[in-house]
N, C-alpha and C. Protein backbone atom coordinates (compact mmCIF):
# COMPACT_ATOMS: atom_id res chain seq x y z
N MET A 1 56.24 146.93 47.54
CA MET A 1 57.42 146.96 46.71
C MET A 1 58.58 147.48 47.55
N ARG A 2 59.73 146.88 47.37
CA ARG A 2 60.95 147.23 48.11
C ARG A 2 61.99 147.77 47.14
N MET A 3 62.82 148.67 47.64
CA MET A 3 63.93 149.21 46.85
C MET A 3 65.24 148.71 47.43
N VAL A 4 66.13 148.29 46.54
CA VAL A 4 67.47 147.88 46.95
C VAL A 4 68.45 148.60 46.05
N ARG A 5 69.47 149.19 46.66
CA ARG A 5 70.47 149.95 45.91
C ARG A 5 71.74 149.14 45.75
N ALA A 6 72.32 149.24 44.57
CA ALA A 6 73.62 148.61 44.30
C ALA A 6 74.52 149.65 43.65
N LEU A 7 75.80 149.52 43.90
CA LEU A 7 76.80 150.36 43.25
C LEU A 7 77.72 149.48 42.45
N LEU A 8 77.96 149.88 41.22
CA LEU A 8 78.88 149.15 40.34
C LEU A 8 80.04 150.07 40.01
N ALA A 9 81.24 149.61 40.28
CA ALA A 9 82.44 150.38 39.98
C ALA A 9 82.95 149.99 38.60
N SER A 10 83.55 150.97 37.93
CA SER A 10 84.11 150.75 36.60
C SER A 10 85.46 151.43 36.52
N ALA A 11 86.36 150.84 35.75
CA ALA A 11 87.65 151.47 35.51
C ALA A 11 87.50 152.67 34.59
N ALA A 12 86.43 152.69 33.77
CA ALA A 12 86.18 153.81 32.86
C ALA A 12 85.75 155.03 33.68
N VAL A 13 86.02 156.22 33.15
CA VAL A 13 85.73 157.45 33.87
C VAL A 13 84.85 158.36 33.03
N GLY A 14 83.93 159.08 33.70
CA GLY A 14 83.13 160.12 33.06
C GLY A 14 82.29 159.63 31.91
N ASP A 15 82.35 160.35 30.76
CA ASP A 15 81.55 160.01 29.59
C ASP A 15 81.84 158.60 29.10
N GLU A 16 83.07 158.17 29.23
CA GLU A 16 83.44 156.82 28.79
C GLU A 16 82.61 155.77 29.55
N ALA A 17 82.37 156.02 30.84
CA ALA A 17 81.61 155.07 31.65
C ALA A 17 80.13 155.10 31.30
N SER A 18 79.60 156.26 30.92
CA SER A 18 78.16 156.38 30.72
C SER A 18 77.71 156.16 29.28
N THR A 19 78.62 156.12 28.32
CA THR A 19 78.24 156.02 26.92
C THR A 19 77.25 154.91 26.66
N ALA A 20 77.62 153.70 26.96
CA ALA A 20 76.71 152.57 26.74
C ALA A 20 76.35 151.90 28.06
N GLY A 21 76.92 152.39 29.13
CA GLY A 21 76.83 151.72 30.42
C GLY A 21 75.46 151.52 31.00
N ALA A 22 74.67 152.57 31.13
CA ALA A 22 73.38 152.45 31.83
C ALA A 22 72.44 151.48 31.12
N GLY A 23 72.33 151.61 29.81
CA GLY A 23 71.46 150.71 29.06
C GLY A 23 71.96 149.28 29.10
N LEU A 24 73.26 149.10 29.03
CA LEU A 24 73.86 147.78 29.10
C LEU A 24 73.55 147.11 30.44
N ILE A 25 73.76 147.85 31.53
CA ILE A 25 73.51 147.29 32.86
C ILE A 25 72.04 146.92 33.02
N GLU A 26 71.15 147.79 32.57
CA GLU A 26 69.72 147.49 32.67
C GLU A 26 69.36 146.24 31.88
N ASP A 27 69.89 146.14 30.67
CA ASP A 27 69.62 144.94 29.85
C ASP A 27 70.15 143.68 30.51
N LEU A 28 71.35 143.75 31.08
CA LEU A 28 71.92 142.57 31.76
C LEU A 28 71.07 142.16 32.95
N LEU A 29 70.60 143.13 33.71
CA LEU A 29 69.76 142.81 34.87
C LEU A 29 68.48 142.11 34.45
N TRP A 30 67.79 142.66 33.44
CA TRP A 30 66.56 142.01 32.98
C TRP A 30 66.83 140.62 32.41
N ALA A 31 67.93 140.47 31.70
CA ALA A 31 68.24 139.19 31.06
C ALA A 31 68.54 138.10 32.08
N HIS A 32 69.07 138.47 33.25
CA HIS A 32 69.46 137.47 34.24
C HIS A 32 68.46 137.35 35.39
N ALA A 33 67.43 138.17 35.40
CA ALA A 33 66.42 138.09 36.46
C ALA A 33 65.54 136.86 36.23
N VAL A 34 65.13 136.26 37.33
CA VAL A 34 64.18 135.14 37.29
C VAL A 34 62.92 135.58 38.02
N LEU A 35 61.84 134.91 37.77
CA LEU A 35 60.55 135.28 38.35
C LEU A 35 60.63 135.38 39.87
N ALA A 36 61.36 134.49 40.50
CA ALA A 36 61.46 134.47 41.96
C ALA A 36 62.14 135.73 42.52
N ASP A 37 62.89 136.47 41.70
CA ASP A 37 63.51 137.71 42.16
C ASP A 37 62.48 138.78 42.47
N GLY A 38 61.33 138.73 41.81
CA GLY A 38 60.30 139.74 42.02
C GLY A 38 60.65 141.10 41.43
N LEU A 39 61.54 141.12 40.45
CA LEU A 39 61.98 142.38 39.85
C LEU A 39 60.84 143.03 39.06
N GLU A 40 60.56 144.29 39.39
CA GLU A 40 59.49 145.02 38.71
C GLU A 40 59.98 146.22 37.93
N HIS A 41 61.05 146.85 38.41
CA HIS A 41 61.55 148.07 37.76
C HIS A 41 63.02 148.23 38.10
N ILE A 42 63.76 148.89 37.22
CA ILE A 42 65.18 149.14 37.42
C ILE A 42 65.47 150.59 37.09
N ARG A 43 66.29 151.22 37.90
CA ARG A 43 66.80 152.55 37.57
C ARG A 43 68.32 152.48 37.61
N VAL A 44 68.97 152.86 36.51
CA VAL A 44 70.42 152.86 36.43
C VAL A 44 70.86 154.26 36.03
N ARG A 45 71.78 154.81 36.82
CA ARG A 45 72.30 156.15 36.52
C ARG A 45 73.82 156.12 36.56
N PRO A 46 74.45 156.76 35.57
CA PRO A 46 75.91 156.79 35.55
C PRO A 46 76.47 157.65 36.69
N LEU A 47 77.59 157.21 37.21
CA LEU A 47 78.38 157.94 38.18
C LEU A 47 79.76 158.19 37.55
N PRO A 48 80.57 159.07 38.12
CA PRO A 48 81.89 159.30 37.53
C PRO A 48 82.75 158.04 37.40
N HIS A 49 82.57 157.09 38.30
CA HIS A 49 83.40 155.87 38.27
C HIS A 49 82.56 154.61 38.29
N GLY A 50 81.37 154.63 37.66
CA GLY A 50 80.54 153.43 37.64
C GLY A 50 79.08 153.73 37.45
N MET A 51 78.24 152.93 38.11
CA MET A 51 76.79 153.05 37.97
C MET A 51 76.10 152.93 39.33
N ASP A 52 75.06 153.74 39.50
CA ASP A 52 74.17 153.65 40.64
C ASP A 52 72.94 152.89 40.16
N VAL A 53 72.62 151.79 40.81
CA VAL A 53 71.52 150.93 40.39
C VAL A 53 70.50 150.83 41.53
N VAL A 54 69.23 151.04 41.21
CA VAL A 54 68.16 150.81 42.19
C VAL A 54 67.22 149.77 41.59
N LEU A 55 67.04 148.70 42.34
CA LEU A 55 66.14 147.62 41.94
C LEU A 55 64.85 147.75 42.74
N PHE A 56 63.74 147.66 42.07
CA PHE A 56 62.43 147.70 42.72
C PHE A 56 61.87 146.27 42.64
N LEU A 57 61.68 145.68 43.82
CA LEU A 57 61.32 144.27 43.90
C LEU A 57 60.01 144.08 44.65
N SER A 58 59.20 143.19 44.15
CA SER A 58 57.96 142.81 44.83
C SER A 58 58.28 141.61 45.70
N THR A 59 58.56 141.88 46.97
CA THR A 59 58.90 140.83 47.92
C THR A 59 58.16 141.10 49.24
N PRO A 60 58.00 140.07 50.06
CA PRO A 60 57.23 140.25 51.30
C PRO A 60 57.96 141.00 52.41
N SER A 61 59.29 141.13 52.32
CA SER A 61 60.03 141.79 53.40
C SER A 61 61.30 142.43 52.86
N ASP A 62 61.87 143.30 53.68
CA ASP A 62 63.15 143.91 53.31
C ASP A 62 64.25 142.85 53.18
N ALA A 63 64.23 141.90 54.10
CA ALA A 63 65.24 140.84 54.08
C ALA A 63 65.15 140.02 52.80
N SER A 64 63.95 139.68 52.37
CA SER A 64 63.81 138.89 51.14
C SER A 64 64.20 139.72 49.91
N ALA A 65 63.96 141.03 49.96
CA ALA A 65 64.38 141.90 48.85
C ALA A 65 65.90 141.93 48.75
N LEU A 66 66.58 142.04 49.89
CA LEU A 66 68.04 142.04 49.88
C LEU A 66 68.60 140.71 49.36
N LEU A 67 67.99 139.61 49.78
CA LEU A 67 68.43 138.30 49.30
C LEU A 67 68.22 138.15 47.79
N ALA A 68 67.07 138.59 47.30
CA ALA A 68 66.77 138.49 45.87
C ALA A 68 67.73 139.36 45.07
N ALA A 69 67.98 140.58 45.53
CA ALA A 69 68.89 141.48 44.82
C ALA A 69 70.31 140.93 44.83
N ALA A 70 70.74 140.41 45.97
CA ALA A 70 72.09 139.84 46.07
C ALA A 70 72.23 138.63 45.15
N GLY A 71 71.20 137.81 45.07
CA GLY A 71 71.23 136.65 44.17
C GLY A 71 71.31 137.06 42.72
N LEU A 72 70.54 138.07 42.35
CA LEU A 72 70.58 138.56 40.97
C LEU A 72 71.96 139.12 40.64
N LEU A 73 72.51 139.92 41.53
CA LEU A 73 73.83 140.50 41.27
C LEU A 73 74.93 139.43 41.28
N ASP A 74 74.76 138.39 42.08
CA ASP A 74 75.71 137.27 42.05
C ASP A 74 75.70 136.60 40.67
N ARG A 75 74.51 136.39 40.12
CA ARG A 75 74.41 135.80 38.78
C ARG A 75 75.02 136.69 37.71
N LEU A 76 75.11 137.97 38.00
CA LEU A 76 75.63 138.94 37.02
C LEU A 76 77.13 139.18 37.12
N GLN A 77 77.79 138.63 38.11
CA GLN A 77 79.20 138.96 38.31
C GLN A 77 80.07 138.72 37.07
N ARG A 78 79.91 137.60 36.44
CA ARG A 78 80.73 137.29 35.26
C ARG A 78 80.40 138.22 34.08
N PRO A 79 79.11 138.38 33.72
CA PRO A 79 78.79 139.31 32.63
C PRO A 79 79.24 140.74 32.93
N LEU A 80 79.09 141.18 34.17
CA LEU A 80 79.53 142.53 34.53
C LEU A 80 81.04 142.67 34.38
N ALA A 81 81.76 141.66 34.84
CA ALA A 81 83.22 141.70 34.75
C ALA A 81 83.69 141.79 33.30
N ARG A 82 82.98 141.11 32.39
CA ARG A 82 83.34 141.18 30.97
C ARG A 82 83.22 142.60 30.42
N HIS A 83 82.38 143.40 31.05
CA HIS A 83 82.19 144.78 30.61
C HIS A 83 82.89 145.78 31.52
N GLY A 84 83.74 145.29 32.42
CA GLY A 84 84.56 146.16 33.25
C GLY A 84 83.91 146.66 34.53
N TYR A 85 82.85 146.00 34.98
CA TYR A 85 82.15 146.43 36.20
C TYR A 85 82.28 145.41 37.32
N THR A 86 82.35 145.92 38.55
CA THR A 86 82.30 145.09 39.75
C THR A 86 81.40 145.79 40.74
N GLY A 87 80.87 145.06 41.69
CA GLY A 87 80.07 145.71 42.73
C GLY A 87 78.98 144.83 43.24
N GLY A 88 78.10 145.44 44.04
CA GLY A 88 77.01 144.68 44.60
C GLY A 88 76.07 145.56 45.40
N VAL A 89 75.25 144.91 46.20
CA VAL A 89 74.21 145.58 46.98
C VAL A 89 74.85 146.46 48.05
N VAL A 90 74.26 147.62 48.27
CA VAL A 90 74.68 148.54 49.31
C VAL A 90 73.76 148.34 50.51
N LEU A 91 74.35 148.05 51.65
CA LEU A 91 73.53 147.85 52.86
C LEU A 91 73.40 149.12 53.65
């Protein structure tokens, strides 16, 4: 299993960012994941200006985990933007 970290920035600050944010982000990730992503677990934690996301992926290599995570986050760009978030994988 591989871990890939992503950071999502939000215009909302503090409690406003965390009220519904972490659960929403987790739900969006599961809803847009496909079997080929190898997604097994998600951890989302609020930050003062966004969300810290860790994806746990069952992939054969670090490179394939990064590609799968980047693909998933690419599919999420529009839904995230509708909720005021932007961001992606942290290398």
